[in-house]
Amino acid sequence: MKSKPAFFSSLFLWVACWFILASCGTSKEVIYFQDMKPGESEIVLSEAKNITIRPEDKISILVNSRDPQLTDLFNLPIMSRQLGQSLRNGAASTGSSQGVSAYTVDASGEIDFPVLGKIYVAGMKREEIAKYIKEALIRENLVKDPVVTVEFANLCVSVLGEVNNPGRFSIDRDRLTILDALSMAGDLTIYGNRYKVLVLRQEGDVQRVYGIDLTSGEHIYTSPAYYLQQNDVVYVEPNSVKARQSTVNGNNVRSTSFWISLASLLTSIAILVFN
């Protein structure tokens, strides 16, 4: 029979080995782009997909020229709105901000633009709408040198799940990627499943779900969901560690508390046996 010191040494060595084995592989679960090497990896990106306008979207359209009085006819009024701010020293403060009113795209995909009337904009990009309005103003001899600017007003994506800052985020560019959205949400937490990030997208009457593996650069850049669209929902699933923590006391064969409890139990048994 082993002596007490030899037994305890074997016991703690066994427990330590299990801790090491249990921790192995976890680093691979949090590293992005594992299949990419600097200077060696080349991936053909998926087809770039710009944001296109849909019914119920809102866009702001601003027309400028050398004659401001002339272009004012084509611009919606600038509205002042109150912005609530966080409480400071127990007192609430408010400020005002100004913004151009937005056009809401109706169910038919049209907006009602001053003088020009109904314009079909569904499926068009920002620059396409600006170009169309500019050419129409010149063609109708309404403005000789118009500069037309089109901006998104209410377009956004939602990021949920295991990220540091979940929420809805405005789209401020023509191309928004899954990496952009995750960056705006403060990146994944340590408990986020890098192997399976879901993108939920409504396409007509169909709700599609895409899965993206963040550990693979090739999978990220070639995914049809690499470029996001308005109203997309990005969901980061919890990994196995977080899932175990949600069980009762987290006590299963791979949790830290389980091994601590097991080591304590074995130590107690050993003391009883050898005493």
C-alpha atoms as a PDB file:
ATOM      1  CA  MET A   1       0.000   0.000   0.000  1.00  0.00           C
ATOM      2  CA  LYS A   2       1.247   3.489  -0.854  1.00  0.00           C
ATOM      3  CA  SER A   3       2.301   5.831   1.919  1.00  0.00           C
ATOM      4  CA  LYS A   4       0.165   8.884   2.646  1.00  0.00           C
ATOM      5  CA  PRO A   5       2.529  11.393   0.961  1.00  0.00           C
ATOM      6  CA  ALA A   6       2.814   9.178  -2.113  1.00  0.00           C
ATOM      7  CA  PHE A   7      -0.965   8.789  -2.281  1.00  0.00           C
ATOM      8  CA  PHE A   8      -1.634  12.525  -2.001  1.00  0.00           C
ATOM      9  CA  SER A   9       1.043  13.246  -4.590  1.00  0.00           C
ATOM     10  CA  SER A  10      -0.585  10.812  -7.010  1.00  0.00           C
ATOM     11  CA  LEU A  11      -4.025  12.197  -6.241  1.00  0.00           C
ATOM     12  CA  PHE A  12      -3.133  15.827  -6.904  1.00  0.00           C
ATOM     13  CA  LEU A  13      -1.070  14.875  -9.967  1.00  0.00           C
ATOM     14  CA  TRP A  14      -4.102  13.067 -11.359  1.00  0.00           C
ATOM     15  CA  VAL A  15      -6.375  16.036 -10.655  1.00  0.00           C
ATOM     16  CA  ALA A  16      -3.854  18.462 -12.177  1.00  0.00           C
ATOM     17  CA  CYS A  17      -3.619  16.337 -15.334  1.00  0.00           C
ATOM     18  CA  TRP A  18      -7.385  16.419 -15.696  1.00  0.00           C
ATOM     19  CA  PHE A  19      -7.413  20.205 -15.316  1.00  0.00           C
ATOM     20  CA  ILE A  20      -4.807  20.524 -18.054  1.00  0.00           C
ATOM     21  CA  LEU A  21      -6.652  18.168 -20.376  1.00  0.00           C
ATOM     22  CA  ALA A  22      -9.938  19.940 -19.714  1.00  0.00           C
ATOM     23  CA  SER A  23      -8.389  23.268 -20.606  1.00  0.00           C
ATOM     24  CA  CYS A  24      -6.697  22.005 -23.784  1.00  0.00           C
ATOM     25  CA  GLY A  25      -8.429  23.074 -26.967  1.00  0.00           C
ATOM     26  CA  THR A  26     -10.149  26.051 -25.388  1.00  0.00           C
ATOM     27  CA  SER A  27      -7.712  28.477 -27.041  1.00  0.00           C
ATOM     28  CA  LYS A  28      -8.814  27.238 -30.438  1.00  0.00           C
ATOM     29  CA  GLU A  29     -12.370  28.091 -29.524  1.00  0.00           C
ATOM     30  CA  VAL A  30     -11.658  31.827 -29.224  1.00  0.00           C
ATOM     31  CA  ILE A  31      -9.215  32.527 -32.065  1.00  0.00           C
ATOM     32  CA  TYR A  32     -10.547  34.013 -35.303  1.00  0.00           C
ATOM     33  CA  PHE A  33      -9.210  33.321 -38.830  1.00  0.00           C
ATOM     34  CA  GLN A  34      -7.334  30.181 -37.812  1.00  0.00           C
ATOM     35  CA  ASP A  35      -6.883  29.056 -41.426  1.00  0.00           C
ATOM     36  CA  MET A  36      -5.220  32.299 -42.515  1.00  0.00           C
ATOM     37  CA  LYS A  37      -1.472  33.014 -42.451  1.00  0.00           C
ATOM     38  CA  PRO A  38       0.123  36.436 -43.040  1.00  0.00           C
ATOM     39  CA  GLY A  39       1.502  36.745 -46.546  1.00  0.00           C
ATOM     40  CA  GLU A  40       0.250  33.304 -47.567  1.00  0.00           C
ATOM     41  CA  SER A  41      -3.537  33.316 -47.508  1.00  0.00           C
ATOM     42  CA  GLU A  42      -5.616  34.689 -50.383  1.00  0.00           C
ATOM     43  CA  ILE A  43      -9.395  34.398 -50.359  1.00  0.00           C
ATOM     44  CA  VAL A  44     -11.765  35.507 -53.100  1.00  0.00           C
ATOM     45  CA  LEU A  45     -14.461  37.563 -51.401  1.00  0.00           C
ATOM     46  CA  SER A  46     -18.135  36.919 -51.908  1.00  0.00           C
ATOM     47  CA  GLU A  47     -19.837  39.273 -54.340  1.00  0.00           C
ATOM     48  CA  ALA A  48     -20.065  42.719 -52.801  1.00  0.00           C
ATOM     49  CA  LYS A  49     -23.654  43.580 -52.005  1.00  0.00           C
ATOM     50  CA  ASN A  50     -24.596  47.186 -51.358  1.00  0.00           C
ATOM     51  CA  ILE A  51     -27.606  48.178 -49.294  1.00  0.00           C
ATOM     52  CA  THR A  52     -30.660  48.678 -51.496  1.00  0.00           C
ATOM     53  CA  ILE A  53     -33.836  50.493 -50.487  1.00  0.00           C
ATOM     54  CA  ARG A  54     -36.948  48.568 -49.480  1.00  0.00           C
ATOM     55  CA  PRO A  55     -40.530  49.551 -48.641  1.00  0.00           C
ATOM     56  CA  GLU A  56     -40.843  51.147 -45.168  1.00  0.00           C
ATOM     57  CA  ASP A  57     -37.230  52.347 -45.274  1.00  0.00           C
ATOM     58  CA  LYS A  58     -36.577  56.014 -44.625  1.00  0.00           C
ATOM     59  CA  ILE A  59     -34.097  58.111 -46.571  1.00  0.00           C
ATOM     60  CA  SER A  60     -33.102  61.758 -46.437  1.00  0.00           C
ATOM     61  CA  ILE A  61     -32.575  63.606 -49.723  1.00  0.00           C
ATOM     62  CA  LEU A  62     -30.830  66.961 -49.834  1.00  0.00           C
ATOM     63  CA  VAL A  63     -30.537  69.082 -52.992  1.00  0.00           C
ATOM     64  CA  ASN A  64     -27.943  71.855 -53.171  1.00  0.00           C
ATOM     65  CA  SER A  65     -26.903  74.292 -55.885  1.00  0.00           C
ATOM     66  CA  ARG A  66     -25.522  77.808 -56.323  1.00  0.00           C
ATOM     67  CA  ASP A  67     -29.012  79.176 -55.765  1.00  0.00           C
ATOM     68  CA  PRO A  68     -30.159  78.088 -52.268  1.00  0.00           C
ATOM     69  CA  GLN A  69     -33.578  79.691 -52.669  1.00  0.00           C
ATOM     70  CA  LEU A  70     -34.210  77.555 -55.729  1.00  0.00           C
ATOM     71  CA  THR A  71     -33.161  74.283 -54.135  1.00  0.00           C
ATOM     72  CA  ASP A  72     -35.142  74.952 -50.942  1.00  0.00           C
ATOM     73  CA  LEU A  73     -38.186  74.013 -52.980  1.00  0.00           C
ATOM     74  CA  PHE A  74     -36.939  70.420 -53.187  1.00  0.00           C
ATOM     75  CA  ASN A  75     -35.791  69.989 -49.596  1.00  0.00           C
ATOM     76  CA  LEU A  76     -37.969  68.909 -46.715  1.00  0.00           C
ATOM     77  CA  PRO A  77     -37.895  71.242 -43.709  1.00  0.00           C
ATOM     78  CA  ILE A  78     -35.142  70.968 -41.143  1.00  0.00           C
ATOM     79  CA  MET A  79     -36.723  69.994 -37.851  1.00  0.00           C
ATOM     80  CA  SER A  80     -35.447  70.593 -34.355  1.00  0.00           C
ATOM     81  CA  ARG A  81     -35.860  67.764 -31.905  1.00  0.00           C
ATOM     82  CA  GLN A  82     -35.088  67.371 -28.229  1.00  0.00           C
ATOM     83  CA  LEU A  83     -32.476  64.853 -27.272  1.00  0.00           C
ATOM     84  CA  GLY A  84     -32.630  63.348 -23.778  1.00  0.00           C
ATOM     85  CA  GLN A  85     -29.284  62.899 -22.075  1.00  0.00           C
ATOM     86  CA  SER A  86     -28.166  60.793 -19.159  1.00  0.00           C
ATOM     87  CA  LEU A  87     -28.626  61.966 -15.609  1.00  0.00           C
ATOM     88  CA  ARG A  88     -25.675  63.867 -14.206  1.00  0.00           C
ATOM     89  CA  ASN A  89     -25.384  64.862 -10.553  1.00  0.00           C
ATOM     90  CA  GLY A  90     -29.028  63.999 -10.121  1.00  0.00           C
ATOM     91  CA  ALA A  91     -30.256  66.513 -12.703  1.00  0.00           C
ATOM     92  CA  ALA A  92     -31.453  65.726 -16.195  1.00  0.00           C
ATOM     93  CA  SER A  93     -30.244  67.884 -19.036  1.00  0.00           C
ATOM     94  CA  THR A  94     -31.593  68.102 -22.554  1.00  0.00           C
ATOM     95  CA  GLY A  95     -30.185  69.394 -25.784  1.00  0.00           C
ATOM     96  CA  SER A  96     -31.503  70.139 -29.215  1.00  0.00           C
ATOM     97  CA  SER A  97     -30.400  68.745 -32.534  1.00  0.00           C
ATOM     98  CA  GLN A  98     -31.393  69.499 -36.086  1.00  0.00           C
ATOM     99  CA  GLY A  99     -31.902  67.061 -38.901  1.00  0.00           C
ATOM    100  CA  VAL A 100     -33.424  66.892 -42.338  1.00  0.00           C
ATOM    101  CA  SER A 101     -36.812  65.212 -42.483  1.00  0.00           C
ATOM    102  CA  ALA A 102     -36.859  61.814 -44.158  1.00  0.00           C
ATOM    103  CA  TYR A 103     -38.928  60.291 -46.923  1.00  0.00           C
ATOM    104  CA  THR A 104     -40.680  57.021 -46.066  1.00  0.00           C
ATOM    105  CA  VAL A 105     -40.774  54.506 -48.898  1.00  0.00           C
ATOM    106  CA  ASP A 106     -44.369  53.330 -49.281  1.00  0.00           C
ATOM    107  CA  ALA A 107     -45.587  49.769 -49.837  1.00  0.00           C
ATOM    108  CA  SER A 108     -45.313  50.273 -53.590  1.00  0.00           C
ATOM    109  CA  GLY A 109     -41.643  51.183 -53.270  1.00  0.00           C
ATOM    110  CA  GLU A 110     -42.163  54.885 -54.074  1.00  0.00           C
ATOM    111  CA  ILE A 111     -41.523  58.253 -52.479  1.00  0.00           C
ATOM    112  CA  ASP A 112     -43.365  61.484 -53.240  1.00  0.00           C
ATOM    113  CA  PHE A 113     -40.679  63.992 -54.178  1.00  0.00           C
ATOM    114  CA  PRO A 114     -41.475  67.721 -54.542  1.00  0.00           C
ATOM    115  CA  VAL A 115     -42.291  68.800 -58.113  1.00  0.00           C
ATOM    116  CA  LEU A 116     -41.058  65.522 -59.614  1.00  0.00           C
ATOM    117  CA  GLY A 117     -43.867  63.552 -57.961  1.00  0.00           C
ATOM    118  CA  LYS A 118     -43.770  59.810 -57.410  1.00  0.00           C
ATOM    119  CA  ILE A 119     -40.347  58.202 -57.790  1.00  0.00           C
ATOM    120  CA  TYR A 120     -39.849  54.436 -57.612  1.00  0.00           C
ATOM    121  CA  VAL A 121     -36.798  53.806 -55.421  1.00  0.00           C
ATOM    122  CA  ALA A 122     -37.224  50.224 -54.198  1.00  0.00           C
ATOM    123  CA  GLY A 123     -34.220  48.119 -55.101  1.00  0.00           C
ATOM    124  CA  MET A 124     -32.058  51.171 -55.801  1.00  0.00           C
ATOM    125  CA  LYS A 125     -28.778  52.098 -54.133  1.00  0.00           C
ATOM    126  CA  ARG A 126     -28.089  55.505 -52.627  1.00  0.00           C
ATOM    127  CA  GLU A 127     -26.014  56.724 -55.549  1.00  0.00           C
ATOM    128  CA  GLU A 128     -28.612  55.475 -58.026  1.00  0.00           C
ATOM    129  CA  ILE A 129     -31.356  57.501 -56.341  1.00  0.00           C
ATOM    130  CA  ALA A 130     -29.131  60.589 -56.225  1.00  0.00           C
ATOM    131  CA  LYS A 131     -28.220  60.195 -59.896  1.00  0.00           C
ATOM    132  CA  TYR A 132     -31.843  59.727 -60.960  1.00  0.00           C
ATOM    133  CA  ILE A 133     -33.055  62.836 -59.113  1.00  0.00           C
ATOM    134  CA  LYS A 134     -30.136  64.932 -60.354  1.00  0.00           C
ATOM    135  CA  GLU A 135     -30.773  63.980 -63.992  1.00  0.00           C
ATOM    136  CA  ALA A 136     -34.512  64.587 -63.583  1.00  0.00           C
ATOM    137  CA  LEU A 137     -33.946  68.080 -62.166  1.00  0.00           C
ATOM    138  CA  ILE A 138     -31.635  68.965 -65.043  1.00  0.00           C
ATOM    139  CA  ARG A 139     -33.886  67.382 -67.656  1.00  0.00           C
ATOM    140  CA  GLU A 140     -36.926  69.284 -66.425  1.00  0.00           C
ATOM    141  CA  ASN A 141     -34.841  72.486 -66.357  1.00  0.00           C
ATOM    142  CA  LEU A 142     -35.592  72.917 -62.662  1.00  0.00           C
ATOM    143  CA  VAL A 143     -32.012  73.225 -61.373  1.00  0.00           C
ATOM    144  CA  LYS A 144     -28.980  73.676 -63.602  1.00  0.00           C
ATOM    145  CA  ASP A 145     -26.225  72.495 -61.280  1.00  0.00           C
ATOM    146  CA  PRO A 146     -27.808  70.306 -58.561  1.00  0.00           C
ATOM    147  CA  VAL A 147     -25.812  68.324 -56.047  1.00  0.00           C
ATOM    148  CA  VAL A 148     -28.020  65.569 -54.620  1.00  0.00           C
ATOM    149  CA  THR A 149     -27.108  63.737 -51.407  1.00  0.00           C
ATOM    150  CA  VAL A 150     -29.009  60.658 -50.232  1.00  0.00           C
ATOM    151  CA  GLU A 151     -28.527  59.212 -46.747  1.00  0.00           C
ATOM    152  CA  PHE A 152     -30.062  56.323 -44.831  1.00  0.00           C
ATOM    153  CA  ALA A 153     -32.361  57.488 -42.047  1.00  0.00           C
ATOM    154  CA  ASN A 154     -33.626  54.457 -40.141  1.00  0.00           C
ATOM    155  CA  LEU A 155     -31.732  51.468 -41.518  1.00  0.00           C
ATOM    156  CA  CYS A 156     -30.175  49.245 -38.865  1.00  0.00           C
ATOM    157  CA  VAL A 157     -29.096  45.743 -37.876  1.00  0.00           C
ATOM    158  CA  SER A 158     -29.542  43.987 -34.536  1.00  0.00           C
ATOM    159  CA  VAL A 159     -26.811  42.076 -32.702  1.00  0.00           C
ATOM    160  CA  LEU A 160     -27.901  39.732 -29.907  1.00  0.00           C
ATOM    161  CA  GLY A 161     -26.435  37.035 -27.703  1.00  0.00           C
ATOM    162  CA  GLU A 162     -22.903  36.697 -26.364  1.00  0.00           C
ATOM    163  CA  VAL A 163     -21.496  40.091 -27.334  1.00  0.00           C
ATOM    164  CA  ASN A 164     -20.280  42.856 -25.045  1.00  0.00           C
ATOM    165  CA  ASN A 165     -22.752  45.484 -26.241  1.00  0.00           C
ATOM    166  CA  PRO A 166     -25.897  43.956 -27.779  1.00  0.00           C
ATOM    167  CA  GLY A 167     -28.409  46.249 -29.451  1.00  0.00           C
ATOM    168  CA  ARG A 168     -29.564  47.862 -32.688  1.00  0.00           C
ATOM    169  CA  PHE A 169     -26.965  49.669 -34.766  1.00  0.00           C
ATOM    170  CA  SER A 170     -27.508  52.171 -37.551  1.00  0.00           C
ATOM    171  CA  ILE A 171     -26.240  51.466 -41.048  1.00  0.00           C
ATOM    172  CA  ASP A 172     -24.108  54.416 -42.105  1.00  0.00           C
ATOM    173  CA  ARG A 173     -22.413  52.960 -45.168  1.00  0.00           C
ATOM    174  CA  ASP A 174     -23.323  51.228 -48.411  1.00  0.00           C
ATOM    175  CA  ARG A 175     -21.611  47.992 -47.431  1.00  0.00           C
ATOM    176  CA  LEU A 176     -21.853  46.662 -43.885  1.00  0.00           C
ATOM    177  CA  THR A 177     -20.138  43.361 -43.063  1.00  0.00           C
ATOM    178  CA  ILE A 178     -20.679  40.863 -40.278  1.00  0.00           C
ATOM    179  CA  LEU A 179     -17.309  41.933 -38.867  1.00  0.00           C
ATOM    180  CA  ASP A 180     -18.452  45.573 -38.822  1.00  0.00           C
ATOM    181  CA  ALA A 181     -21.588  44.631 -36.889  1.00  0.00           C
ATOM    182  CA  LEU A 182     -19.701  42.539 -34.339  1.00  0.00           C
ATOM    183  CA  SER A 183     -17.200  45.361 -33.880  1.00  0.00           C
ATOM    184  CA  MET A 184     -20.004  47.835 -33.199  1.00  0.00           C
ATOM    185  CA  ALA A 185     -21.357  45.394 -30.618  1.00  0.00           C
ATOM    186  CA  GLY A 186     -18.002  45.337 -28.826  1.00  0.00           C
ATOM    187  CA  ASP A 187     -16.898  41.913 -30.138  1.00  0.00           C
ATOM    188  CA  LEU A 188     -17.908  38.528 -28.737  1.00  0.00           C
ATOM    189  CA  THR A 189     -17.575  37.765 -25.060  1.00  0.00           C
ATOM    190  CA  ILE A 190     -15.302  34.913 -24.017  1.00  0.00           C
ATOM    191  CA  TYR A 191     -18.461  32.805 -23.872  1.00  0.00           C
ATOM    192  CA  GLY A 192     -19.501  33.420 -27.487  1.00  0.00           C
ATOM    193  CA  ASN A 193     -19.491  30.437 -29.842  1.00  0.00           C
ATOM    194  CA  ARG A 194     -17.062  31.409 -32.610  1.00  0.00           C
ATOM    195  CA  TYR A 195     -18.008  28.353 -34.629  1.00  0.00           C
ATOM    196  CA  LYS A 196     -21.643  29.285 -35.091  1.00  0.00           C
ATOM    197  CA  VAL A 197     -22.770  32.886 -35.469  1.00  0.00           C
ATOM    198  CA  LEU A 198     -26.250  33.086 -36.968  1.00  0.00           C
ATOM    199  CA  VAL A 199     -27.553  35.735 -39.354  1.00  0.00           C
ATOM    200  CA  LEU A 200     -31.349  35.862 -39.658  1.00  0.00           C
ATOM    201  CA  ARG A 201     -32.569  37.569 -42.805  1.00  0.00           C
ATOM    202  CA  GLN A 202     -36.042  38.028 -44.232  1.00  0.00           C
ATOM    203  CA  GLU A 203     -36.081  37.688 -47.993  1.00  0.00           C
ATOM    204  CA  GLY A 204     -39.594  38.316 -49.238  1.00  0.00           C
ATOM    205  CA  ASP A 205     -41.866  35.905 -47.408  1.00  0.00           C
ATOM    206  CA  VAL A 206     -38.981  33.622 -46.449  1.00  0.00           C
ATOM    207  CA  GLN A 207     -36.945  33.818 -43.257  1.00  0.00           C
ATOM    208  CA  ARG A 208     -33.437  32.562 -44.010  1.00  0.00           C
ATOM    209  CA  VAL A 209     -30.821  31.618 -41.451  1.00  0.00           C
ATOM    210  CA  TYR A 210     -27.116  31.667 -42.297  1.00  0.00           C
ATOM    211  CA  GLY A 211     -24.354  30.277 -40.120  1.00  0.00           C
ATOM    212  CA  ILE A 212     -20.855  31.763 -40.031  1.00  0.00           C
ATOM    213  CA  ASP A 213     -17.742  30.153 -38.544  1.00  0.00           C
ATOM    214  CA  LEU A 214     -15.538  32.968 -37.255  1.00  0.00           C
ATOM    215  CA  THR A 215     -12.579  30.630 -36.783  1.00  0.00           C
ATOM    216  CA  SER A 216     -12.354  30.193 -40.558  1.00  0.00           C
ATOM    217  CA  GLY A 217     -11.447  33.209 -42.690  1.00  0.00           C
ATOM    218  CA  GLU A 218     -12.512  31.396 -45.838  1.00  0.00           C
ATOM    219  CA  HIS A 219     -15.931  30.643 -44.370  1.00  0.00           C
ATOM    220  CA  ILE A 220     -16.397  34.253 -43.242  1.00  0.00           C
ATOM    221  CA  TYR A 221     -15.403  35.969 -46.487  1.00  0.00           C
ATOM    222  CA  THR A 222     -17.262  33.591 -48.809  1.00  0.00           C
ATOM    223  CA  SER A 223     -20.504  33.487 -46.822  1.00  0.00           C
ATOM    224  CA  PRO A 224     -23.613  34.992 -48.474  1.00  0.00           C
ATOM    225  CA  ALA A 225     -24.191  36.714 -45.115  1.00  0.00           C
ATOM    226  CA  TYR A 226     -20.771  38.391 -45.017  1.00  0.00           C
ATOM    227  CA  TYR A 227     -22.431  41.576 -46.299  1.00  0.00           C
ATOM    228  CA  LEU A 228     -25.397  42.413 -44.091  1.00  0.00           C
ATOM    229  CA  GLN A 229     -28.689  43.958 -45.140  1.00  0.00           C
ATOM    230  CA  GLN A 230     -31.046  46.236 -43.245  1.00  0.00           C
ATOM    231  CA  ASN A 231     -33.079  44.510 -40.531  1.00  0.00           C
ATOM    232  CA  ASP A 232     -30.692  41.544 -40.360  1.00  0.00           C
ATOM    233  CA  VAL A 233     -30.398  39.971 -36.921  1.00  0.00           C
ATOM    234  CA  VAL A 234     -26.991  38.659 -35.841  1.00  0.00           C
ATOM    235  CA  TYR A 235     -27.141  36.142 -33.007  1.00  0.00           C
ATOM    236  CA  VAL A 236     -24.094  34.785 -31.181  1.00  0.00           C
ATOM    237  CA  GLU A 237     -24.771  31.504 -29.445  1.00  0.00           C
ATOM    238  CA  PRO A 238     -23.235  30.746 -26.027  1.00  0.00           C
ATOM    239  CA  ASN A 239     -20.411  28.224 -26.101  1.00  0.00           C
ATOM    240  CA  SER A 240     -20.303  25.007 -24.103  1.00  0.00           C
ATOM    241  CA  VAL A 241     -18.706  26.719 -21.097  1.00  0.00           C
ATOM    242  CA  LYS A 242     -21.596  29.197 -20.784  1.00  0.00           C
ATOM    243  CA  ALA A 243     -24.102  26.418 -21.408  1.00  0.00           C
ATOM    244  CA  ARG A 244     -22.646  24.421 -18.511  1.00  0.00           C
ATOM    245  CA  GLN A 245     -22.883  27.439 -16.241  1.00  0.00           C
ATOM    246  CA  SER A 246     -26.598  27.597 -16.914  1.00  0.00           C
ATOM    247  CA  THR A 247     -27.119  24.103 -15.464  1.00  0.00           C
ATOM    248  CA  VAL A 248     -27.907  23.581 -11.793  1.00  0.00           C
ATOM    249  CA  ASN A 249     -24.727  24.658  -9.956  1.00  0.00           C
ATOM    250  CA  GLY A 250     -22.809  23.977 -13.181  1.00  0.00           C
ATOM    251  CA  ASN A 251     -21.858  20.577 -11.749  1.00  0.00           C
ATOM    252  CA  ASN A 252     -21.067  18.271 -14.623  1.00  0.00           C
ATOM    253  CA  VAL A 253     -17.949  16.339 -15.584  1.00  0.00           C
ATOM    254  CA  ARG A 254     -16.232  19.287 -17.278  1.00  0.00           C
ATOM    255  CA  SER A 255     -16.931  22.162 -14.925  1.00  0.00           C
ATOM    256  CA  THR A 256     -14.285  23.602 -12.603  1.00  0.00           C
ATOM    257  CA  SER A 257     -16.564  23.298  -9.583  1.00  0.00           C
ATOM    258  CA  PHE A 258     -17.007  19.602 -10.320  1.00  0.00           C
ATOM    259  CA  TRP A 259     -13.266  18.937 -10.207  1.00  0.00           C
ATOM    260  CA  ILE A 260     -12.828  20.969  -7.044  1.00  0.00           C
ATOM    261  CA  SER A 261     -15.645  19.034  -5.418  1.00  0.00           C
ATOM    262  CA  LEU A 262     -14.176  15.747  -6.637  1.00  0.00           C
ATOM    263  CA  ALA A 263     -10.708  16.588  -5.319  1.00  0.00           C
ATOM    264  CA  SER A 264     -12.204  17.572  -1.959  1.00  0.00           C
ATOM    265  CA  LEU A 265     -14.181  14.334  -1.829  1.00  0.00           C
ATOM    266  CA  LEU A 266     -11.170  12.162  -2.661  1.00  0.00           C
ATOM    267  CA  THR A 267      -9.074  13.981  -0.071  1.00  0.00           C
ATOM    268  CA  SER A 268     -11.737  13.413   2.572  1.00  0.00           C
ATOM    269  CA  ILE A 269     -11.941   9.716   1.679  1.00  0.00           C
ATOM    270  CA  ALA A 270      -8.172   9.364   1.790  1.00  0.00           C
ATOM    271  CA  ILE A 271      -8.002  10.943   5.268  1.00  0.00           C
ATOM    272  CA  LEU A 272     -10.705   8.577   6.532  1.00  0.00           C
ATOM    273  CA  VAL A 273      -9.030   5.526   5.016  1.00  0.00           C
ATOM    274  CA  PHE A 274      -5.498   6.216   6.236  1.00  0.00           C
ATOM    275  CA  ASN A 275      -6.519   7.453   9.638  1.00  0.00           C
END
